[in-house]
Amino acid sequence: LIHAGSALAANVCKKITGRLTSAIAKQEDVSVQLEALDIMADMLSRQGGLLVNFHPSILTCLLPQLTSPRLAVRKRTIIALGHLVMSCGNIVFVDLIEHLLSELSKNDSMSTTRTYIQCIAAISRQAGHRIGEYLEKIIPLVVKFCNVDDDELREYCIQAFESFVRRCPKEVYPHVSTIINICLKYLTYDPNYNYDDEDEDENAMDADGGDDDDQGSDDEYSDDDDMSWKVRRAAAKCLDAVVSTRHEMLPEFYKTVSPALISRFKEREENVKADVFHAYLSLLKQTRPVQSWLCDPDAMEQGETPLTMLQSQVPNIVKALHKQMKEKSVKTRQCCFNMLTELVNVLPGALTQHIPVLVPGIIFSLNDKSSSSNLKIDALSCLYVILCNHSPQVFHPHVQALVPPVVACVGDPFYKITSEALLVTQQLVKVHHMPEAQWLRL
C-alpha cells in the first residue's frame, strides 16, 4: 500500500479495517488475533491519517486487549495504540488517556498495571507533545507504583520516566528531582549481592593477582530469577536521559548524579555497567562545551563550576576504572577507554597524577591476544589523546614499557590499528626520553 496511490490505499484500508477490528475483538483464535493486530499496527503507522473516521472503533476494539490473558496480544496492542496516537483526533486521544488513568487508579491486577504503564510509556515515545499536559496526573501514579515490591513493574515505571524526560522536557521539569532521586535509589538496587564484602576483600584479591573468586560470585548470583539488574539498567538509562536533556542542572548533577554513577562502575552485570558508563559519558559530553562557566568569576570563587567539581572527582574516577582496564570483558575495557578519552578532552591534564596506574591497563589491551581490533583501536586512540593533552615529562618513566606494544601495533595487518599506532608513535617521539640509538633499534 505504501507504493500505491492515496485513493487506492484509502479504499483498501477502509474496506479491511472493519474486518480487522472484528478479528481483533474475537479472542477464540489467538493466532488470527495476533496477525490482525500486526496488520492494524502497520496500517496505522503507514496510513493512519486516512483512517480518521475509523479511529473511535479501532480504539474500542483495542482497549479490551490490554487485559488479554496472552501477553503477546497485550504487547501488539500497545504497539498499535502507539501508532494510533500519532494520527488520531483529540477526542480519541483523551478517551485513551482517561481510560488508562482510570484503570491505573483502580489497580485491580498487578499484571494489567504493568501493561498500562508500558502503554503510557509507548504513547509518550510516539506522541510526547500530546501527553505532556497529563503528566501532572500520570507521574504521581507512576511514582506510587515504583514503591511496589515488583521488579518488572519498577522497570516499566522507570522506563516511563525516561520517555517523559526525553519527550516532554517542559512538562516534566517540576518532577525531574523526584525522578533523579528514584533513579539514584534503584541504581544501587541489588538485593542478591553484597558489594561491601567485595570492597573489603579488594586489596587482598589484588595481592593474590587473581579474580577467580569474584568470577564465581558473578556466576552464583546471575540466575534467571534475579530481575533486579533490569531495574538498575532502567535507572541508568533514565539518568542518561536526564543528564542529556537538562543542561541547566549540570552543577547539581556533579553533586549528586556523578558520585553515584562513579560508585556503580563496579556493577557486576556487564550490560548494566555499559549503561552506567554511557550515562557518565553523556555527563562529560554535556560538560565539554560549557565555556561560560569558566568565565563566571563568582562561580569560580565558590568552586562551583562543573569543571572544578569534575576535577575534584578525577581521583575517584581513576580508582574505579583502572582495575577494570584488565578485566576479561572487552566491552568493559572499551567503556573504560572511551571514558578516559572523553575525560581528557573535557579536562586536559586531568590525569597527570594518575598516569602510573593507567599505563599498565593500556599495555594490557595492546598485548592481550584475545583483544579485538576495535579494542586495540580504542586503546591506541585513548593513549594518543592522553599523550596530546599532558606534559611529555609525565610519560618519561613509561616510554620503555609503551614503545614495544605500540611498535607491534604499527606492524599489525589491519590498517586502522597501524594508523592509530603511528599517531601514538608520533607523540611518543616528542617525549624525548630515550636515547636516539635506542629509538633506532626499535
Protein backbone atom coordinates (compact mmCIF):
# COMPACT_ATOMS: atom_id res chain seq x y z
CA LEU A 1 0.00 0.00 0.00
CA ILE A 2 2.86 2.39 0.65
CA HIS A 3 3.63 2.45 -3.06
CA ALA A 4 0.02 2.68 -4.16
CA GLY A 5 -1.86 5.86 -4.92
CA SER A 6 -3.50 7.57 -1.97
CA ALA A 7 -7.03 6.92 -3.27
CA LEU A 8 -6.42 3.19 -3.78
CA ALA A 9 -4.67 2.91 -0.42
CA ALA A 10 -7.52 4.69 1.33
CA ASN A 11 -10.14 2.43 -0.26
CA VAL A 12 -8.28 -0.78 0.62
CA CYS A 13 -7.64 0.33 4.19
CA LYS A 14 -11.25 1.36 4.71
CA LYS A 15 -12.55 -1.96 3.36
CA ILE A 16 -10.39 -4.15 5.59
CA THR A 17 -10.45 -2.06 8.78
CA GLY A 18 -13.88 -3.34 9.80
CA ARG A 19 -12.85 -6.96 9.33
CA LEU A 20 -9.62 -6.38 11.25
CA THR A 21 -11.42 -4.87 14.23
CA SER A 22 -13.78 -7.87 14.28
CA ALA A 23 -10.85 -10.31 14.16
CA ILE A 24 -9.09 -8.45 16.97
CA ALA A 25 -12.22 -8.45 19.14
CA LYS A 26 -12.62 -12.24 18.85
CA GLN A 27 -10.25 -13.93 21.29
CA GLU A 28 -11.05 -17.53 20.33
CA ASP A 29 -8.20 -17.84 17.80
CA VAL A 30 -5.12 -16.12 19.20
CA SER A 31 -3.01 -16.66 16.08
CA VAL A 32 -5.57 -14.80 13.92
CA GLN A 33 -5.84 -12.10 16.56
CA LEU A 34 -2.07 -11.58 16.59
CA GLU A 35 -1.92 -11.36 12.80
CA ALA A 36 -4.79 -8.87 12.75
CA LEU A 37 -3.04 -6.71 15.38
CA ASP A 38 0.17 -6.72 13.33
CA ILE A 39 -1.69 -5.63 10.20
CA MET A 40 -3.62 -2.97 12.11
CA ALA A 41 -0.42 -1.55 13.59
CA ASP A 42 1.21 -1.49 10.16
CA MET A 43 -1.79 0.26 8.61
CA LEU A 44 -1.89 2.87 11.36
CA SER A 45 1.82 3.56 11.02
CA ARG A 46 1.63 4.00 7.25
CA GLN A 47 -1.90 5.24 6.55
CA GLY A 48 -3.20 6.34 9.95
CA GLY A 49 -4.31 9.71 8.65
CA LEU A 50 -6.60 8.07 6.09
CA LEU A 51 -8.46 6.14 8.78
CA VAL A 52 -9.58 9.04 10.96
CA ASN A 53 -13.24 8.04 10.71
CA PHE A 54 -12.35 4.56 11.96
CA HIS A 55 -10.19 5.67 14.91
CA PRO A 56 -13.01 5.50 17.51
CA SER A 57 -13.93 1.94 16.52
CA ILE A 58 -10.26 0.95 16.39
CA LEU A 59 -9.76 2.30 19.91
CA THR A 60 -12.88 0.47 21.10
CA CYS A 61 -11.58 -2.87 19.83
CA LEU A 62 -8.02 -2.33 21.10
CA LEU A 63 -8.66 -1.26 24.70
CA PRO A 64 -10.07 -4.63 25.90
CA GLN A 65 -6.98 -6.39 24.53
CA LEU A 66 -4.82 -4.65 27.15
CA THR A 67 -6.28 -7.13 29.66
CA SER A 68 -5.89 -10.19 27.42
CA PRO A 69 -4.59 -13.31 29.18
CA ARG A 70 -1.97 -13.55 26.41
CA LEU A 71 0.99 -11.20 26.93
CA ALA A 72 1.78 -11.33 23.20
CA VAL A 73 -1.66 -9.85 22.47
CA ARG A 74 -1.08 -7.07 25.00
CA LYS A 75 2.32 -6.27 23.51
CA ARG A 76 0.96 -5.96 19.98
CA THR A 77 -1.97 -3.90 21.23
CA ILE A 78 0.42 -1.43 22.84
CA ILE A 79 2.31 -1.14 19.55
CA ALA A 80 -0.93 -0.49 17.65
CA LEU A 81 -2.05 2.15 20.17
CA GLY A 82 1.35 3.82 19.86
CA HIS A 83 0.77 4.22 16.13
CA LEU A 84 -2.84 5.29 16.64
CA VAL A 85 -1.95 8.29 18.83
CA MET A 86 0.29 9.69 16.10
CA SER A 87 -2.68 10.49 13.87
CA CYS A 88 -5.87 10.29 15.93
CA GLY A 89 -8.01 13.29 16.84
CA ASN A 90 -8.07 14.86 20.27
CA ILE A 91 -11.30 13.17 21.35
CA VAL A 92 -9.89 9.69 20.72
CA PHE A 93 -6.63 10.62 22.43
CA VAL A 94 -8.41 11.95 25.52
CA ASP A 95 -10.58 8.82 25.71
CA LEU A 96 -7.45 6.65 25.63
CA ILE A 97 -5.60 8.61 28.32
CA GLU A 98 -8.64 8.81 30.58
CA HIS A 99 -9.16 5.07 30.27
CA LEU A 100 -5.54 4.36 31.22
CA LEU A 101 -5.65 6.75 34.18
CA SER A 102 -8.90 5.24 35.41
CA GLU A 103 -7.59 1.68 35.21
CA LEU A 104 -4.32 2.62 36.91
CA SER A 105 -6.23 4.25 39.74
CA LYS A 106 -8.21 1.04 40.27
CA ASN A 107 -5.05 -1.11 40.24
CA ASP A 108 -7.16 -4.29 40.00
CA SER A 109 -4.28 -6.53 38.92
CA MET A 110 -0.51 -6.15 39.05
CA SER A 111 -0.25 -7.79 35.64
CA THR A 112 -2.56 -5.28 33.97
CA THR A 113 -0.95 -2.40 35.87
CA ARG A 114 2.36 -3.32 34.24
CA THR A 115 0.64 -3.30 30.84
CA TYR A 116 -0.96 0.12 31.39
CA ILE A 117 2.38 1.63 32.47
CA GLN A 118 4.02 0.19 29.36
CA CYS A 119 1.22 1.62 27.24
CA ILE A 120 1.65 5.11 28.70
CA ALA A 121 5.40 4.93 28.05
CA ALA A 122 4.74 3.88 24.43
CA ILE A 123 2.30 6.76 23.94
CA SER A 124 4.86 9.16 25.36
CA ARG A 125 7.55 7.90 23.00
CA GLN A 126 5.28 8.21 19.95
CA ALA A 127 3.37 11.38 20.85
CA GLY A 128 5.15 13.08 23.72
CA HIS A 129 3.89 16.50 22.72
CA ARG A 130 0.32 15.33 23.32
CA ILE A 131 0.74 13.55 26.64
CA GLY A 132 2.63 16.37 28.34
CA GLU A 133 -0.48 18.08 29.72
CA TYR A 134 -1.46 14.87 31.52
CA LEU A 135 1.84 14.34 33.35
CA GLU A 136 0.54 16.04 36.50
CA LYS A 137 -1.92 13.16 36.82
CA ILE A 138 0.30 10.40 35.45
CA ILE A 139 3.59 10.92 37.30
CA PRO A 140 2.20 10.62 40.87
CA LEU A 141 0.69 7.25 39.90
CA VAL A 142 3.95 6.05 38.37
CA VAL A 143 5.88 7.19 41.45
CA LYS A 144 3.47 5.24 43.65
CA PHE A 145 3.94 2.06 41.63
CA CYS A 146 7.73 2.40 41.88
CA ASN A 147 7.36 1.59 45.58
CA VAL A 148 5.52 -1.67 44.92
CA ASP A 149 7.66 -4.75 45.50
CA ASP A 150 7.64 -5.90 41.88
CA ASP A 151 10.87 -5.61 39.88
CA GLU A 152 9.18 -5.88 36.50
CA LEU A 153 6.76 -3.08 37.39
CA ARG A 154 9.63 -0.92 38.68
CA GLU A 155 11.48 -1.40 35.40
CA TYR A 156 8.45 -0.28 33.37
CA CYS A 157 7.86 2.71 35.66
CA ILE A 158 11.44 3.93 35.27
CA GLN A 159 11.25 3.38 31.51
CA ALA A 160 8.14 5.56 31.52
CA PHE A 161 10.07 8.27 33.39
CA GLU A 162 12.77 8.09 30.71
CA SER A 163 10.21 8.61 27.94
CA PHE A 164 8.70 11.59 29.81
CA VAL A 165 12.14 13.16 30.26
CA ARG A 166 13.04 12.81 26.58
CA ARG A 167 9.67 13.58 25.00
CA CYS A 168 8.08 16.08 27.42
CA PRO A 169 11.02 18.19 28.64
CA LYS A 170 8.95 21.24 29.55
CA GLU A 171 6.09 19.50 31.34
CA VAL A 172 8.33 17.05 33.22
CA TYR A 173 10.58 19.76 34.67
CA PRO A 174 8.78 20.08 38.06
CA HIS A 175 9.25 16.33 38.56
CA VAL A 176 12.90 15.96 37.49
CA SER A 177 14.25 15.99 41.05
CA THR A 178 11.81 13.25 42.06
CA ILE A 179 12.78 11.17 39.02
CA ILE A 180 16.50 11.62 39.78
CA ASN A 181 16.03 10.50 43.38
CA ILE A 182 14.12 7.40 42.30
CA CYS A 183 16.80 6.53 39.74
CA LEU A 184 19.61 7.02 42.25
CA LYS A 185 17.78 4.73 44.65
CA TYR A 186 17.35 1.92 42.15
CA LEU A 187 20.74 2.36 40.50
CA THR A 188 22.13 0.52 43.54
CA TYR A 189 19.23 -1.92 43.88
CA ASP A 190 20.90 -5.33 44.01
CA PRO A 191 19.35 -7.34 46.86
CA ASN A 192 21.08 -10.61 45.95
CA TYR A 193 24.65 -9.36 46.06
CA ASN A 194 26.85 -7.90 48.80
CA TYR A 195 29.26 -5.36 47.35
CA ASP A 196 30.61 -4.47 50.81
CA ASP A 197 32.32 -7.84 51.11
CA GLU A 198 33.82 -7.37 47.65
CA ASP A 199 35.22 -3.95 48.60
CA GLU A 200 36.71 -5.27 51.83
CA ASP A 201 38.48 -8.09 50.01
CA GLU A 202 39.64 -5.89 47.12
CA ASN A 203 43.19 -5.33 48.34
CA ALA A 204 43.69 -8.98 49.25
CA MET A 205 42.48 -10.06 45.82
CA ASP A 206 44.85 -7.64 44.12
CA ALA A 207 47.75 -9.01 46.15
CA ASP A 208 46.90 -12.53 45.02
CA GLY A 209 46.79 -11.34 41.41
CA GLY A 210 43.67 -13.35 40.63
CA ASP A 211 39.95 -12.83 40.32
CA ASP A 212 38.60 -16.36 40.27
CA ASP A 213 36.60 -15.86 43.47
CA ASP A 214 34.99 -12.72 42.11
CA GLN A 215 34.05 -14.52 38.90
CA GLY A 216 32.48 -17.26 40.97
CA SER A 217 30.32 -14.72 42.77
CA ASP A 218 29.05 -13.39 39.45
CA ASP A 219 28.11 -16.89 38.32
CA GLU A 220 26.40 -17.63 41.63
CA TYR A 221 24.11 -14.61 41.60
CA SER A 222 23.47 -14.16 37.86
CA ASP A 223 20.48 -16.51 37.89
CA ASP A 224 17.40 -16.31 35.74
CA ASP A 225 15.15 -15.43 38.68
CA ASP A 226 17.05 -12.26 39.54
CA MET A 227 15.37 -9.42 37.66
CA SER A 228 16.92 -6.62 39.72
CA TRP A 229 19.54 -5.96 37.03
CA LYS A 230 16.79 -4.77 34.68
CA VAL A 231 15.71 -2.22 37.28
CA ARG A 232 19.30 -0.95 37.62
CA ARG A 233 19.67 -0.78 33.85
CA ALA A 234 16.44 1.21 33.50
CA ALA A 235 17.66 3.60 36.22
CA ALA A 236 20.99 4.12 34.44
CA LYS A 237 19.25 4.81 31.12
CA CYS A 238 16.84 7.24 32.74
CA LEU A 239 19.72 9.13 34.37
CA ASP A 240 21.37 9.23 30.95
CA ALA A 241 18.20 10.85 29.57
CA VAL A 242 18.07 13.40 32.41
CA VAL A 243 21.74 14.33 32.03
CA SER A 244 21.40 14.65 28.25
CA THR A 245 18.35 16.92 28.34
CA ARG A 246 18.73 19.11 31.46
CA HIS A 247 21.87 21.06 30.64
CA GLU A 248 20.99 23.79 33.11
CA MET A 249 21.28 21.31 36.01
CA LEU A 250 24.95 20.40 35.46
CA PRO A 251 26.18 21.73 38.83
CA GLU A 252 23.51 19.69 40.61
CA PHE A 253 24.42 16.61 38.57
CA TYR A 254 28.05 16.83 39.71
CA LYS A 255 26.91 16.98 43.33
CA THR A 256 24.51 14.04 43.24
CA VAL A 257 24.48 12.05 40.00
CA SER A 258 28.21 11.97 39.26
CA PRO A 259 29.33 10.39 42.57
CA ALA A 260 26.51 7.85 42.33
CA LEU A 261 27.47 6.80 38.79
CA ILE A 262 31.16 6.55 39.71
CA SER A 263 30.30 4.28 42.63
CA ARG A 264 28.44 1.99 40.21
CA PHE A 265 31.35 1.45 37.82
CA LYS A 266 31.78 -1.74 39.87
CA GLU A 267 28.39 -3.05 38.65
CA ARG A 268 28.52 -6.85 38.27
CA GLU A 269 26.23 -7.16 35.23
CA GLU A 270 28.04 -6.19 32.04
CA ASN A 271 25.02 -4.72 30.24
CA VAL A 272 24.10 -2.58 33.24
CA LYS A 273 27.71 -1.46 33.64
CA ALA A 274 27.80 -0.38 29.99
CA ASP A 275 24.72 1.79 30.52
CA VAL A 276 26.25 3.32 33.67
CA PHE A 277 29.36 4.19 31.68
CA HIS A 278 27.22 5.62 28.89
CA ALA A 279 25.35 7.83 31.35
CA TYR A 280 28.63 9.21 32.67
CA LEU A 281 29.89 9.76 29.13
CA SER A 282 26.76 11.83 28.49
CA LEU A 283 27.56 13.88 31.59
CA LEU A 284 31.09 14.53 30.33
CA LYS A 285 29.83 15.48 26.86
CA GLN A 286 27.37 17.93 28.38
CA THR A 287 30.25 19.47 30.33
CA ARG A 288 32.66 19.96 27.44
CA PRO A 289 31.04 22.97 25.69
CA VAL A 290 30.26 24.90 28.87
CA GLN A 291 32.87 27.61 28.45
CA SER A 292 30.60 30.17 30.13
CA TRP A 293 31.21 28.51 33.48
CA LEU A 294 34.91 29.29 33.14
CA CYS A 295 34.14 32.95 32.62
CA ASP A 296 31.95 33.41 35.71
CA PRO A 297 34.21 34.90 38.43
CA ASP A 298 31.63 34.41 41.19
CA ALA A 299 31.18 30.74 40.37
CA MET A 300 34.94 30.24 40.13
CA GLU A 301 35.49 31.83 43.55
CA GLN A 302 32.96 29.49 45.09
CA GLY A 303 34.45 26.48 43.30
CA GLU A 304 31.04 25.56 41.94
CA THR A 305 31.66 25.19 38.21
CA PRO A 306 31.06 21.77 36.63
CA LEU A 307 34.73 21.64 35.60
CA THR A 308 36.07 22.28 39.09
CA MET A 309 33.69 19.72 40.55
CA LEU A 310 34.73 17.22 37.89
CA GLN A 311 38.39 17.90 38.66
CA SER A 312 37.83 17.05 42.32
CA GLN A 313 36.24 13.73 41.33
CA VAL A 314 39.00 12.59 38.95
CA PRO A 315 40.81 10.51 41.64
CA ASN A 316 37.60 8.57 42.32
CA ILE A 317 37.02 8.05 38.60
CA VAL A 318 40.54 6.67 38.10
CA LYS A 319 40.26 4.47 41.18
CA ALA A 320 37.02 3.00 39.85
CA LEU A 321 38.36 2.49 36.32
CA HIS A 322 41.97 1.36 36.43
CA LYS A 323 41.35 -2.15 37.79
CA GLN A 324 38.60 -2.76 35.25
CA MET A 325 41.02 -1.99 32.43
CA LYS A 326 42.39 -5.51 32.95
CA GLU A 327 39.04 -7.30 33.04
CA LYS A 328 38.31 -10.13 30.64
CA SER A 329 35.30 -8.30 29.25
CA VAL A 330 36.18 -6.49 26.03
CA LYS A 331 33.05 -4.35 26.34
CA THR A 332 34.05 -3.14 29.80
CA ARG A 333 37.57 -2.25 28.70
CA GLN A 334 36.25 -0.34 25.69
CA CYS A 335 33.98 1.63 28.02
CA CYS A 336 36.98 2.47 30.20
CA PHE A 337 39.00 3.78 27.25
CA ASN A 338 36.05 5.81 25.94
CA MET A 339 35.56 7.28 29.40
CA LEU A 340 39.21 8.29 29.80
CA THR A 341 39.30 9.75 26.29
CA GLU A 342 36.26 11.95 26.92
CA LEU A 343 37.53 12.92 30.38
CA VAL A 344 40.80 14.20 28.94
CA ASN A 345 39.01 16.03 26.13
CA VAL A 346 36.86 17.81 28.71
CA LEU A 347 39.65 18.38 31.23
CA PRO A 348 43.13 18.38 29.60
CA GLY A 349 45.87 17.40 32.01
CA ALA A 350 43.40 15.82 34.43
CA LEU A 351 45.29 12.51 34.55
CA THR A 352 48.75 13.93 35.26
CA GLN A 353 48.92 12.36 38.72
CA HIS A 354 47.36 9.08 37.59
CA ILE A 355 49.39 8.01 34.55
CA PRO A 356 51.36 5.35 36.51
CA VAL A 357 48.19 3.39 37.38
CA LEU A 358 46.62 3.75 33.90
CA VAL A 359 49.54 2.79 31.65
CA PRO A 360 49.53 -0.91 32.69
CA GLY A 361 45.86 -1.20 31.71
CA ILE A 362 46.52 0.29 28.27
CA ILE A 363 49.50 -2.01 27.70
CA PHE A 364 47.40 -4.98 28.81
CA SER A 365 44.88 -4.46 26.00
CA LEU A 366 47.59 -3.83 23.41
CA ASN A 367 49.39 -7.06 24.33
CA ASP A 368 46.35 -9.23 25.02
CA LYS A 369 45.97 -11.74 22.19
CA SER A 370 42.25 -12.00 22.87
CA SER A 371 41.74 -8.26 22.29
CA SER A 372 39.54 -7.41 19.32
CA SER A 373 40.65 -4.96 16.65
CA ASN A 374 38.16 -2.38 17.91
CA LEU A 375 39.52 -2.69 21.45
CA LYS A 376 43.09 -2.10 20.27
CA ILE A 377 41.95 0.89 18.23
CA ASP A 378 40.15 2.32 21.27
CA ALA A 379 43.20 1.72 23.48
CA LEU A 380 45.53 3.42 20.99
CA SER A 381 43.12 6.30 20.46
CA CYS A 382 42.85 6.79 24.22
CA LEU A 383 46.64 6.73 24.61
CA TYR A 384 47.01 9.25 21.79
CA VAL A 385 44.53 11.69 23.37
CA ILE A 386 46.23 11.35 26.76
CA LEU A 387 49.66 11.97 25.21
CA CYS A 388 48.39 15.05 23.36
CA ASN A 389 46.80 16.57 26.47
CA HIS A 390 49.54 16.02 29.06
CA SER A 391 53.10 17.18 29.54
CA PRO A 392 55.70 14.89 27.89
CA GLN A 393 57.60 14.68 31.17
CA VAL A 394 54.71 12.75 32.70
CA PHE A 395 55.46 9.85 30.35
CA HIS A 396 59.25 9.70 30.83
CA PRO A 397 59.08 6.75 33.26
CA HIS A 398 56.75 4.80 30.96
CA VAL A 399 58.25 5.14 27.48
CA GLN A 400 60.22 1.91 27.58
CA ALA A 401 57.09 -0.01 28.57
CA LEU A 402 54.86 1.69 25.99
CA VAL A 403 57.06 1.57 22.90
CA PRO A 404 57.22 -2.22 22.28
CA PRO A 405 53.43 -2.84 22.18
CA VAL A 406 52.87 0.34 20.15
CA VAL A 407 55.54 -0.64 17.62
CA ALA A 408 53.97 -4.10 17.40
CA CYS A 409 50.66 -2.43 16.54
CA VAL A 410 52.39 -0.42 13.80
CA GLY A 411 53.09 -3.77 12.13
CA ASP A 412 49.53 -5.02 12.54
CA PRO A 413 47.92 -6.19 9.26
CA PHE A 414 44.78 -4.12 9.96
CA TYR A 415 45.36 -0.64 8.57
CA LYS A 416 43.23 1.14 11.18
CA ILE A 417 45.36 -0.26 14.01
CA THR A 418 48.51 0.72 12.12
CA SER A 419 47.18 4.24 11.58
CA GLU A 420 46.35 4.77 15.26
CA ALA A 421 49.68 3.28 16.32
CA LEU A 422 51.58 5.67 14.03
CA LEU A 423 49.79 8.63 15.59
CA VAL A 424 50.78 7.39 19.05
CA THR A 425 54.37 6.85 17.90
CA GLN A 426 54.47 10.43 16.64
CA GLN A 427 53.56 11.64 20.13
CA LEU A 428 55.95 9.27 21.89
CA VAL A 429 58.85 10.68 19.89
CA LYS A 430 58.11 14.06 21.44
CA VAL A 431 58.69 12.66 24.90
CA HIS A 432 62.45 12.81 24.18
CA HIS A 433 63.40 10.44 26.94
CA MET A 434 65.04 7.52 25.20
CA PRO A 435 68.46 7.93 23.55
CA GLU A 436 68.39 8.23 19.77
CA ALA A 437 70.24 4.95 19.32
CA GLN A 438 67.60 3.12 21.33
CA TRP A 439 64.81 4.58 19.14
CA LEU A 440 66.69 3.45 16.02
CA ARG A 441 66.97 -0.11 17.33
CA LEU A 442 63.19 -0.16 17.83
